[in-house]
């Protein structure tokens, strides 16, 4: 006669682990969206400049646009932000 041991909390622990992974994944997604929003214009302009250079065209305009958007992003990053400036952009 064999006695089987039941572990009553095993299912809950697996569910808790899955929930933690979902929360971490959501936080990473939010951080990625924020980074793309902040630096998206710079990246697009940089890639456009590289594509123009590869095709043999002058990329001065795209490079200048990338520099301008990077400067704008840096200006926004340098601003002091807190709860009192929540509605002010």
C-alpha atoms as a PDB file:
ATOM      1  CA  UNK A   1       0.000   0.000   0.000  1.00  0.00           C
ATOM      2  CA  UNK A   2       1.470   3.325  -1.084  1.00  0.00           C
ATOM      3  CA  UNK A   3       0.657   6.636   0.498  1.00  0.00           C
ATOM      4  CA  UNK A   4       0.554   9.604  -1.827  1.00  0.00           C
ATOM      5  CA  UNK A   5       1.443  12.973  -0.414  1.00  0.00           C
ATOM      6  CA  UNK A   6      -0.540  15.922  -1.631  1.00  0.00           C
ATOM      7  CA  UNK A   7       1.016  19.330  -1.826  1.00  0.00           C
ATOM      8  CA  UNK A   8      -1.843  21.722  -1.430  1.00  0.00           C
ATOM      9  CA  UNK A   9       0.007  24.973  -2.194  1.00  0.00           C
ATOM     10  CA  UNK A  10       1.853  23.918  -5.361  1.00  0.00           C
ATOM     11  CA  UNK A  11      -0.734  25.325  -7.784  1.00  0.00           C
ATOM     12  CA  UNK A  12      -0.840  28.669  -6.033  1.00  0.00           C
ATOM     13  CA  UNK A  13       2.930  29.030  -6.119  1.00  0.00           C
ATOM     14  CA  UNK A  14       3.013  28.462  -9.870  1.00  0.00           C
ATOM     15  CA  UNK A  15       0.280  31.054 -10.326  1.00  0.00           C
ATOM     16  CA  UNK A  16       2.150  33.536  -8.159  1.00  0.00           C
ATOM     17  CA  UNK A  17       5.328  33.052 -10.216  1.00  0.00           C
ATOM     18  CA  UNK A  18       3.418  33.604 -13.447  1.00  0.00           C
ATOM     19  CA  UNK A  19       1.844  36.769 -12.054  1.00  0.00           C
ATOM     20  CA  UNK A  20       5.268  38.114 -11.104  1.00  0.00           C
ATOM     21  CA  UNK A  21       6.571  37.457 -14.619  1.00  0.00           C
ATOM     22  CA  UNK A  22       3.565  39.244 -16.120  1.00  0.00           C
ATOM     23  CA  UNK A  23       4.137  42.279 -13.891  1.00  0.00           C
ATOM     24  CA  UNK A  24       7.852  42.409 -14.791  1.00  0.00           C
ATOM     25  CA  UNK A  25       7.036  42.078 -18.493  1.00  0.00           C
ATOM     26  CA  UNK A  26       4.488  44.891 -18.244  1.00  0.00           C
ATOM     27  CA  UNK A  27       7.021  47.173 -16.532  1.00  0.00           C
ATOM     28  CA  UNK A  28       9.608  46.452 -19.221  1.00  0.00           C
ATOM     29  CA  UNK A  29       7.024  47.213 -21.917  1.00  0.00           C
ATOM     30  CA  UNK A  30       6.129  50.531 -20.275  1.00  0.00           C
ATOM     31  CA  UNK A  31       9.820  51.478 -20.049  1.00  0.00           C
ATOM     32  CA  UNK A  32      10.336  50.548 -23.714  1.00  0.00           C
ATOM     33  CA  UNK A  33       7.348  52.642 -24.801  1.00  0.00           C
ATOM     34  CA  UNK A  34       8.679  55.616 -22.821  1.00  0.00           C
ATOM     35  CA  UNK A  35      12.140  55.261 -24.392  1.00  0.00           C
ATOM     36  CA  UNK A  36      10.727  54.982 -27.899  1.00  0.00           C
ATOM     37  CA  UNK A  37       8.524  58.022 -27.295  1.00  0.00           C
ATOM     38  CA  UNK A  38      11.465  60.056 -26.013  1.00  0.00           C
ATOM     39  CA  UNK A  39      14.027  59.013 -28.619  1.00  0.00           C
ATOM     40  CA  UNK A  40      11.880  57.841 -31.536  1.00  0.00           C
ATOM     41  CA  UNK A  41      12.422  60.941 -33.671  1.00  0.00           C
ATOM     42  CA  UNK A  42      16.163  60.813 -33.162  1.00  0.00           C
ATOM     43  CA  UNK A  43      16.343  57.153 -34.110  1.00  0.00           C
ATOM     44  CA  UNK A  44      14.129  57.598 -37.190  1.00  0.00           C
ATOM     45  CA  UNK A  45      16.225  60.548 -38.398  1.00  0.00           C
ATOM     46  CA  UNK A  46      19.469  58.656 -37.776  1.00  0.00           C
ATOM     47  CA  UNK A  47      18.270  55.609 -39.702  1.00  0.00           C
ATOM     48  CA  UNK A  48      17.051  57.842 -42.542  1.00  0.00           C
ATOM     49  CA  UNK A  49      20.479  59.499 -42.667  1.00  0.00           C
ATOM     50  CA  UNK A  50      22.237  56.130 -42.820  1.00  0.00           C
ATOM     51  CA  UNK A  51      19.907  54.965 -45.592  1.00  0.00           C
ATOM     52  CA  UNK A  52      20.628  58.102 -47.615  1.00  0.00           C
ATOM     53  CA  UNK A  53      24.392  57.713 -47.121  1.00  0.00           C
ATOM     54  CA  UNK A  54      24.212  54.077 -48.237  1.00  0.00           C
ATOM     55  CA  UNK A  55      22.327  55.087 -51.379  1.00  0.00           C
ATOM     56  CA  UNK A  56      24.934  57.737 -52.190  1.00  0.00           C
ATOM     57  CA  UNK A  57      22.813  60.782 -51.356  1.00  0.00           C
ATOM     58  CA  UNK A  58      23.716  63.579 -48.988  1.00  0.00           C
ATOM     59  CA  UNK A  59      22.340  62.965 -45.511  1.00  0.00           C
ATOM     60  CA  UNK A  60      23.050  66.409 -44.083  1.00  0.00           C
ATOM     61  CA  UNK A  61      19.363  67.238 -43.612  1.00  0.00           C
ATOM     62  CA  UNK A  62      18.621  63.942 -41.823  1.00  0.00           C
ATOM     63  CA  UNK A  63      21.709  64.293 -39.626  1.00  0.00           C
ATOM     64  CA  UNK A  64      20.707  67.842 -38.661  1.00  0.00           C
ATOM     65  CA  UNK A  65      17.172  66.673 -37.878  1.00  0.00           C
ATOM     66  CA  UNK A  66      18.560  63.869 -35.684  1.00  0.00           C
ATOM     67  CA  UNK A  67      20.762  66.370 -33.835  1.00  0.00           C
ATOM     68  CA  UNK A  68      17.814  68.730 -33.306  1.00  0.00           C
ATOM     69  CA  UNK A  69      15.520  66.013 -31.967  1.00  0.00           C
ATOM     70  CA  UNK A  70      18.302  64.731 -29.699  1.00  0.00           C
ATOM     71  CA  UNK A  71      18.748  68.264 -28.380  1.00  0.00           C
ATOM     72  CA  UNK A  72      14.994  68.555 -27.758  1.00  0.00           C
ATOM     73  CA  UNK A  73      15.004  65.222 -25.913  1.00  0.00           C
ATOM     74  CA  UNK A  74      17.924  66.367 -23.770  1.00  0.00           C
ATOM     75  CA  UNK A  75      16.107  69.612 -22.928  1.00  0.00           C
ATOM     76  CA  UNK A  76      13.064  67.621 -21.788  1.00  0.00           C
ATOM     77  CA  UNK A  77      15.260  65.260 -19.773  1.00  0.00           C
ATOM     78  CA  UNK A  78      16.943  68.183 -17.995  1.00  0.00           C
ATOM     79  CA  UNK A  79      13.658  69.620 -16.758  1.00  0.00           C
ATOM     80  CA  UNK A  80      12.840  69.113 -13.102  1.00  0.00           C
ATOM     81  CA  UNK A  81       9.760  66.971 -12.914  1.00  0.00           C
ATOM     82  CA  UNK A  82       7.658  66.264  -9.889  1.00  0.00           C
ATOM     83  CA  UNK A  83       4.065  65.935  -8.867  1.00  0.00           C
ATOM     84  CA  UNK A  84       3.625  69.723  -8.878  1.00  0.00           C
ATOM     85  CA  UNK A  85       4.512  69.829 -12.603  1.00  0.00           C
ATOM     86  CA  UNK A  86       2.345  66.834 -13.522  1.00  0.00           C
ATOM     87  CA  UNK A  87      -0.063  68.755 -15.773  1.00  0.00           C
ATOM     88  CA  UNK A  88       2.635  71.007 -17.256  1.00  0.00           C
ATOM     89  CA  UNK A  89       4.472  69.640 -20.239  1.00  0.00           C
END
